[in-house]
Amino acid sequence: MTLRHLSLLLVGLATGLAPATAQTDLFVVTSDFATGSAAILQASAEDAQVNLLTVHADAIGQYFDDRIYIVNRLGQDNVIVLDAANPTQPLTQFSVGNGTNPHQIYVVSPDKAYVTRYDDSHLLVVDPRDGTELGTIDLSEFADGDGLPEMSEMIGVDDRVYVSCQRLDRDNGWISDASFLIAIDTANDAVVDLDAVTPGTQGIRLSATNPSSLVAAGRHIAVAGVAGFGDHEGGIDLVDPTSGRSLGLAVSETDLEGDISLLTMTSATRGFTVVSDANFINSVKPVNLETGAVGEPLSGLSGGFISSIVVDGDRVIVGDRGSFSDPTAAGLKIYDVETGMLIAGP
């Protein structure tokens, strides 16, 4: 299979950053946009085990406590559960509702998980062991005129899970006038009002609309928000979950010189982001959220679509789709965190 879309996750790390020199196994979801598959690159190995099982052409992976969860998105609308020790045979597969377009699963505990459903107004609560529905959480009050909040990514902080609501108006060119992070209390599955003074239930209004990546940056949440493609109004938003507010853009798309799509952090302040320029050429650039500095892009990438990036100890792993002129460049490119030097791949 030609590797054209890759979703990476670390197998063996439940939470937090990897130790400075540790390496973990990598589970990779691949797609050529018609069919999907999965592979594993074991720690320190040079060759991947490929075609482990068939998945949806639009799928992503999550990892929690020795389990791999593959979210098959629109068109299949289900979750496959795998044992990380034997990922070729699914333990179970369960539906999250026809046509709901699931985007992410966040496992709170072995018997409870949340599933964001992009084409539905209710966050799903399930038992991840067998998919039993435990309830739903109504997020319709955060929707725009089309009735959908476009819930997508999630991140956990203490006893809360924060859900990104893009609020893209499907009846008006898929633009957004405001995007939010909505806090869910994991003890009672209730939406948390983050502003007791303002009437209604309030979330965190983001400084840039259309958020994608949500990642931990110390005690803050770093949010990659693209706003409108080509307008350079997005950037990396820094959110303080303690005060329940955005601190503003730590790095702007003007600084990045393009549209931001993905973000991963190596520490509380340093990370790498995927940027697309006016010609849709993708690059990976180091960023410093404390100073706002943007470094030179990593070398050795094809310029084609980059659909995933992850930090593993002292490595940065980039899922490079390859380009039309050089499809053989597709695969994993591995870089040194400190120097940015290409050390392996594809």
Protein backbone atom coordinates (compact mmCIF):
# COMPACT_ATOMS: atom_id res chain seq x y z
CA MET A 1 0.00 0.00 0.00
CA THR A 2 1.24 3.48 -0.81
CA LEU A 3 1.48 5.45 2.43
CA ARG A 4 -0.32 8.70 1.72
CA HIS A 5 -2.03 9.53 4.99
CA LEU A 6 -0.51 8.59 8.33
CA SER A 7 -1.81 8.90 11.88
CA LEU A 8 0.79 8.16 14.55
CA LEU A 9 0.44 7.22 18.17
CA LEU A 10 2.86 6.04 20.81
CA VAL A 11 2.19 2.53 22.11
CA GLY A 12 3.33 2.22 25.72
CA LEU A 13 2.86 5.77 26.98
CA ALA A 14 -0.48 6.52 28.61
CA THR A 15 0.06 10.18 29.44
CA GLY A 16 2.61 12.97 29.39
CA LEU A 17 5.89 13.37 27.52
CA ALA A 18 8.24 10.46 26.98
CA PRO A 19 11.44 10.34 29.02
CA ALA A 20 14.27 12.22 27.35
CA THR A 21 15.95 9.16 25.78
CA ALA A 22 13.10 6.65 25.75
CA GLN A 23 11.73 5.15 22.58
CA THR A 24 8.38 3.46 22.26
CA ASP A 25 6.67 1.36 19.64
CA LEU A 26 4.79 3.39 17.03
CA PHE A 27 1.37 2.34 15.79
CA VAL A 28 0.61 3.89 12.41
CA VAL A 29 -2.75 4.21 10.67
CA THR A 30 -2.29 4.57 6.91
CA SER A 31 -4.55 5.39 3.99
CA ASP A 32 -4.50 6.06 0.28
CA PHE A 33 -7.91 7.78 0.69
CA ALA A 34 -9.67 4.72 -0.74
CA THR A 35 -8.64 2.02 1.73
CA GLY A 36 -6.92 2.02 5.11
CA SER A 37 -4.48 -0.19 6.96
CA ALA A 38 -2.23 -0.20 10.03
CA ALA A 39 1.43 -0.83 10.78
CA ILE A 40 3.80 -0.99 13.74
CA LEU A 41 7.35 0.32 13.92
CA GLN A 42 8.87 -1.16 17.04
CA ALA A 43 11.29 0.81 19.18
CA SER A 44 14.76 0.98 17.57
CA ALA A 45 13.59 -1.09 14.58
CA GLU A 46 14.39 -0.04 11.01
CA ASP A 47 11.56 -1.90 9.28
CA ALA A 48 7.85 -1.68 10.03
CA GLN A 49 5.35 -4.53 10.23
CA VAL A 50 2.74 -3.48 7.68
CA ASN A 51 -0.84 -4.36 6.71
CA LEU A 52 -1.74 -5.58 10.20
CA LEU A 53 -5.46 -5.10 9.64
CA THR A 54 -7.87 -3.21 7.40
CA VAL A 55 -9.38 0.04 8.69
CA HIS A 56 -11.45 2.85 7.20
CA ALA A 57 -9.83 5.16 4.67
CA ASP A 58 -10.48 8.03 7.11
CA ALA A 59 -9.34 6.78 10.52
CA ILE A 60 -7.20 7.88 13.46
CA GLY A 61 -5.70 6.06 16.43
CA GLN A 62 -5.70 6.69 20.18
CA TYR A 63 -3.84 4.81 22.93
CA PHE A 64 -4.75 4.19 26.57
CA ASP A 65 -3.60 1.59 29.07
CA ASP A 66 -2.49 -1.18 26.68
CA ARG A 67 -5.42 -0.61 24.35
CA ILE A 68 -5.42 0.95 20.88
CA TYR A 69 -8.63 2.62 19.73
CA ILE A 70 -9.11 3.19 16.00
CA VAL A 71 -11.80 5.74 15.22
CA ASN A 72 -13.32 5.06 11.81
CA ARG A 73 -14.85 8.35 10.79
CA LEU A 74 -17.65 9.37 8.42
CA GLY A 75 -18.97 6.48 6.37
CA GLN A 76 -18.23 3.82 8.98
CA ASP A 77 -18.89 5.68 12.28
CA ASN A 78 -17.40 3.11 14.64
CA VAL A 79 -14.49 2.36 16.94
CA ILE A 80 -12.20 -0.67 16.77
CA VAL A 81 -10.51 -1.74 20.02
CA LEU A 82 -7.17 -3.56 19.86
CA ASP A 83 -4.85 -5.13 22.40
CA ALA A 84 -1.51 -3.34 21.96
CA ALA A 85 0.28 -6.64 22.53
CA ASN A 86 -1.62 -8.27 19.64
CA PRO A 87 -2.99 -5.54 17.37
CA THR A 88 -3.97 -7.78 14.46
CA GLN A 89 -7.13 -9.18 16.06
CA PRO A 90 -9.78 -6.67 17.24
CA LEU A 91 -11.13 -7.21 20.73
CA THR A 92 -14.36 -5.50 19.76
CA GLN A 93 -15.85 -3.00 17.33
CA PHE A 94 -18.78 -0.78 18.19
CA SER A 95 -20.95 1.81 16.45
CA VAL A 96 -21.18 5.41 17.64
CA GLY A 97 -24.28 6.21 15.55
CA ASN A 98 -24.76 6.14 11.79
CA GLY A 99 -23.73 9.37 10.09
CA THR A 100 -22.34 10.95 13.27
CA ASN A 101 -18.75 11.22 11.95
CA PRO A 102 -16.70 10.50 15.11
CA HIS A 103 -13.47 12.49 15.39
CA GLN A 104 -11.80 11.35 18.60
CA ILE A 105 -12.18 9.03 21.58
CA TYR A 106 -10.86 10.11 24.98
CA VAL A 107 -10.63 7.32 27.53
CA VAL A 108 -11.27 8.64 31.05
CA SER A 109 -10.98 5.26 32.78
CA PRO A 110 -11.07 1.58 31.77
CA ASP A 111 -14.88 1.68 31.81
CA LYS A 112 -15.64 5.18 30.52
CA ALA A 113 -14.77 7.21 27.43
CA TYR A 114 -16.01 10.23 25.49
CA VAL A 115 -16.43 10.28 21.71
CA THR A 116 -16.71 13.55 19.80
CA ARG A 117 -19.19 13.31 16.93
CA TYR A 118 -18.63 16.00 14.31
CA ASP A 119 -22.03 15.63 12.67
CA ASP A 120 -24.03 15.47 15.90
CA SER A 121 -24.73 17.91 18.73
CA HIS A 122 -24.29 15.37 21.56
CA LEU A 123 -20.99 14.14 22.96
CA LEU A 124 -21.21 10.37 23.38
CA VAL A 125 -20.28 8.61 26.65
CA VAL A 126 -19.42 4.91 26.26
CA ASP A 127 -17.88 1.96 28.02
CA PRO A 128 -14.74 1.48 25.86
CA ARG A 129 -14.58 -2.22 26.72
CA ASP A 130 -17.64 -3.08 24.65
CA GLY A 131 -19.14 0.18 23.36
CA THR A 132 -22.14 0.20 25.68
CA GLU A 133 -23.68 3.68 25.58
CA LEU A 134 -23.58 5.29 29.03
CA GLY A 135 -25.25 8.52 27.98
CA THR A 136 -24.78 11.69 25.97
CA ILE A 137 -23.86 15.29 26.81
CA ASP A 138 -25.80 17.98 25.00
CA LEU A 139 -23.52 20.60 23.41
CA SER A 140 -26.18 22.11 21.14
CA GLU A 141 -26.10 25.45 22.98
CA PHE A 142 -22.59 25.95 21.57
CA ALA A 143 -23.70 25.41 17.97
CA ASP A 144 -23.94 28.13 15.36
CA GLY A 145 -26.75 28.66 12.87
CA ASP A 146 -26.50 25.21 11.31
CA GLY A 147 -27.30 23.55 14.65
CA LEU A 148 -23.99 21.72 15.03
CA PRO A 149 -21.04 22.73 17.26
CA GLU A 150 -18.54 20.72 15.14
CA MET A 151 -16.96 19.08 18.20
CA SER A 152 -13.58 17.60 17.33
CA GLU A 153 -10.53 17.28 19.61
CA MET A 154 -10.29 16.63 23.36
CA ILE A 155 -7.68 16.96 26.08
CA GLY A 156 -7.83 16.10 29.77
CA VAL A 157 -6.67 18.38 32.58
CA ASP A 158 -7.15 17.07 36.13
CA ASP A 159 -10.82 16.08 36.53
CA ARG A 160 -12.00 17.83 33.38
CA VAL A 161 -11.96 17.08 29.68
CA TYR A 162 -11.90 20.05 27.29
CA VAL A 163 -13.72 19.63 23.96
CA SER A 164 -12.97 21.86 20.99
CA CYS A 165 -16.04 23.20 19.18
CA GLN A 166 -15.06 24.67 15.82
CA ARG A 167 -18.54 26.05 15.05
CA LEU A 168 -18.15 26.08 11.27
CA ASP A 169 -21.27 27.41 9.57
CA ARG A 170 -22.09 24.85 6.89
CA ASP A 171 -24.74 27.16 5.43
CA ASN A 172 -22.26 30.01 5.00
CA GLY A 173 -19.08 28.67 3.45
CA TRP A 174 -17.89 26.68 6.49
CA ILE A 175 -16.59 29.78 8.26
CA SER A 176 -16.65 30.42 12.00
CA ASP A 177 -17.36 33.59 13.94
CA ALA A 178 -16.14 32.04 17.22
CA SER A 179 -14.69 28.74 18.42
CA PHE A 180 -14.60 27.41 21.98
CA LEU A 181 -13.19 24.88 24.39
CA ILE A 182 -15.99 23.36 26.45
CA ALA A 183 -15.14 21.88 29.86
CA ILE A 184 -16.73 18.60 30.93
CA ASP A 185 -16.65 17.45 34.56
CA THR A 186 -15.66 13.78 34.29
CA ALA A 187 -17.21 12.98 37.69
CA ASN A 188 -20.78 13.79 36.63
CA ASP A 189 -20.53 14.32 32.83
CA ALA A 190 -21.84 17.88 33.22
CA VAL A 191 -20.79 20.91 31.19
CA VAL A 192 -18.86 23.29 33.46
CA ASP A 193 -19.84 26.97 33.42
CA LEU A 194 -16.51 28.83 33.23
CA ASP A 195 -18.04 32.28 33.74
CA ALA A 196 -20.59 32.48 36.53
CA VAL A 197 -21.25 36.19 35.90
CA THR A 198 -22.39 35.87 32.27
CA PRO A 199 -25.86 34.33 31.77
CA GLY A 200 -25.89 30.82 30.36
CA THR A 201 -23.16 28.20 30.32
CA GLN A 202 -19.85 29.59 29.11
CA GLY A 203 -16.84 27.89 27.59
CA ILE A 204 -13.44 29.35 26.70
CA ARG A 205 -13.59 31.54 23.62
CA LEU A 206 -10.43 30.97 21.59
CA SER A 207 -8.28 33.69 20.11
CA ALA A 208 -8.24 31.88 16.75
CA THR A 209 -11.16 30.01 15.22
CA ASN A 210 -11.21 26.53 13.65
CA PRO A 211 -9.00 24.68 16.17
CA SER A 212 -7.28 21.41 15.35
CA SER A 213 -4.53 20.18 17.69
CA LEU A 214 -5.00 20.42 21.47
CA VAL A 215 -1.77 19.65 23.36
CA ALA A 216 -0.44 20.11 26.88
CA ALA A 217 2.04 22.96 27.34
CA GLY A 218 2.92 22.74 31.01
CA ARG A 219 -0.21 23.74 32.92
CA HIS A 220 -1.60 25.41 29.82
CA ILE A 221 -3.34 24.06 26.74
CA ALA A 222 -1.81 24.97 23.39
CA VAL A 223 -4.36 25.09 20.57
CA ALA A 224 -3.53 25.20 16.88
CA GLY A 225 -6.23 27.29 15.18
CA VAL A 226 -6.15 27.90 11.43
CA ALA A 227 -9.07 30.41 11.27
CA GLY A 228 -9.76 30.76 7.53
CA PHE A 229 -7.34 29.12 5.13
CA GLY A 230 -5.11 31.74 3.57
CA ASP A 231 -6.13 34.63 5.85
CA HIS A 232 -3.22 34.19 8.33
CA GLU A 233 -5.50 35.08 11.25
CA GLY A 234 -4.80 31.86 13.12
CA GLY A 235 -1.87 30.64 15.16
CA ILE A 236 -1.04 28.90 18.42
CA ASP A 237 -3.45 29.95 21.15
CA LEU A 238 -2.37 29.51 24.77
CA VAL A 239 -5.25 28.67 27.11
CA ASP A 240 -5.18 28.77 30.92
CA PRO A 241 -7.64 26.13 32.19
CA THR A 242 -7.34 27.44 35.76
CA SER A 243 -8.73 30.87 34.92
CA GLY A 244 -10.86 29.53 32.07
CA ARG A 245 -9.64 31.96 29.44
CA SER A 246 -7.42 32.33 26.42
CA LEU A 247 -4.13 34.14 26.97
CA GLY A 248 -3.94 35.08 23.29
CA LEU A 249 -1.80 33.89 20.39
CA ALA A 250 1.67 32.85 21.49
CA VAL A 251 2.67 32.42 17.83
CA SER A 252 0.71 33.89 14.92
CA GLU A 253 0.27 32.53 11.40
CA THR A 254 2.01 35.69 10.21
CA ASP A 255 5.05 34.53 12.18
CA LEU A 256 4.64 31.01 10.78
CA GLU A 257 4.23 32.34 7.21
CA GLY A 258 1.38 29.99 6.44
CA ASP A 259 -1.63 28.06 7.68
CA ILE A 260 -1.11 25.95 10.80
CA SER A 261 -2.55 22.44 10.82
CA LEU A 262 -0.84 20.41 13.57
CA LEU A 263 1.13 21.01 16.75
CA THR A 264 3.19 18.80 19.07
CA MET A 265 5.15 19.88 22.14
CA THR A 266 8.58 18.76 23.37
CA SER A 267 8.35 20.78 26.61
CA ALA A 268 6.10 23.37 28.24
CA THR A 269 7.32 26.03 25.80
CA ARG A 270 8.97 24.35 22.80
CA GLY A 271 7.33 22.38 20.05
CA PHE A 272 6.97 21.70 16.34
CA THR A 273 4.13 22.72 14.07
CA VAL A 274 3.02 21.77 10.56
CA VAL A 275 2.55 24.76 8.26
CA SER A 276 1.11 24.98 4.74
CA ASP A 277 2.18 27.90 2.52
CA ALA A 278 0.23 29.66 -0.22
CA ASN A 279 1.13 26.86 -2.66
CA PHE A 280 -0.02 24.17 -0.17
CA ILE A 281 3.56 23.04 0.40
CA ASN A 282 3.79 21.54 3.88
CA SER A 283 6.71 22.07 6.24
CA VAL A 284 7.53 21.44 9.90
CA LYS A 285 8.83 24.38 11.93
CA PRO A 286 10.12 24.55 15.51
CA VAL A 287 8.34 27.10 17.70
CA ASN A 288 8.87 28.66 21.13
CA LEU A 289 5.63 29.63 22.85
CA GLU A 290 7.45 31.72 25.45
CA THR A 291 9.31 33.98 23.01
CA GLY A 292 7.11 33.58 19.94
CA ALA A 293 10.15 32.58 17.88
CA VAL A 294 9.76 30.39 14.80
CA GLY A 295 12.78 28.40 13.62
CA GLU A 296 13.86 27.20 10.20
CA PRO A 297 11.81 24.33 8.75
CA LEU A 298 13.06 20.77 9.04
CA SER A 299 14.88 19.56 5.93
CA GLY A 300 14.27 16.35 4.04
CA LEU A 301 10.49 16.54 3.75
CA SER A 302 8.71 16.10 0.43
CA GLY A 303 6.54 19.23 0.63
CA GLY A 304 3.47 17.04 0.32
CA PHE A 305 0.70 16.67 2.88
CA ILE A 306 1.78 15.99 6.49
CA SER A 307 -1.11 14.43 8.38
CA SER A 308 0.57 13.55 11.68
CA ILE A 309 3.51 14.50 13.90
CA VAL A 310 4.48 13.19 17.33
CA VAL A 311 7.34 13.56 19.83
CA ASP A 312 8.83 10.35 21.22
CA GLY A 313 11.60 11.01 23.74
CA ASP A 314 14.43 12.66 21.83
CA ARG A 315 12.81 12.05 18.45
CA VAL A 316 10.25 13.90 16.36
CA ILE A 317 8.38 11.55 14.01
CA VAL A 318 6.69 13.07 10.97
CA GLY A 319 4.15 11.28 8.79
CA ASP A 320 5.10 12.48 5.28
CA ARG A 321 2.54 11.66 2.60
CA GLY A 322 5.04 12.24 -0.20
CA SER A 323 4.40 14.44 -3.22
CA PHE A 324 3.04 13.86 -6.70
CA SER A 325 6.53 14.36 -8.11
CA ASP A 326 8.14 12.07 -5.51
CA PRO A 327 5.66 9.50 -4.12
CA THR A 328 8.56 7.34 -2.88
CA ALA A 329 9.23 9.98 -0.23
CA ALA A 330 6.13 8.81 1.66
CA GLY A 331 6.66 7.29 5.09
CA LEU A 332 7.99 8.20 8.51
CA LYS A 333 10.75 10.81 8.79
CA ILE A 334 12.52 10.81 12.16
CA TYR A 335 14.34 13.88 13.48
CA ASP A 336 16.44 14.75 16.50
CA VAL A 337 14.45 16.97 18.88
CA GLU A 338 17.36 19.24 19.80
CA THR A 339 19.14 19.66 16.47
CA GLY A 340 16.31 19.12 14.00
CA MET A 341 18.55 16.82 12.00
CA LEU A 342 17.01 14.01 9.97
CA ILE A 343 18.25 10.76 11.54
CA ALA A 344 16.13 8.09 9.83
CA GLY A 345 13.52 7.49 7.16
CA PRO A 346 11.49 7.25 5.15
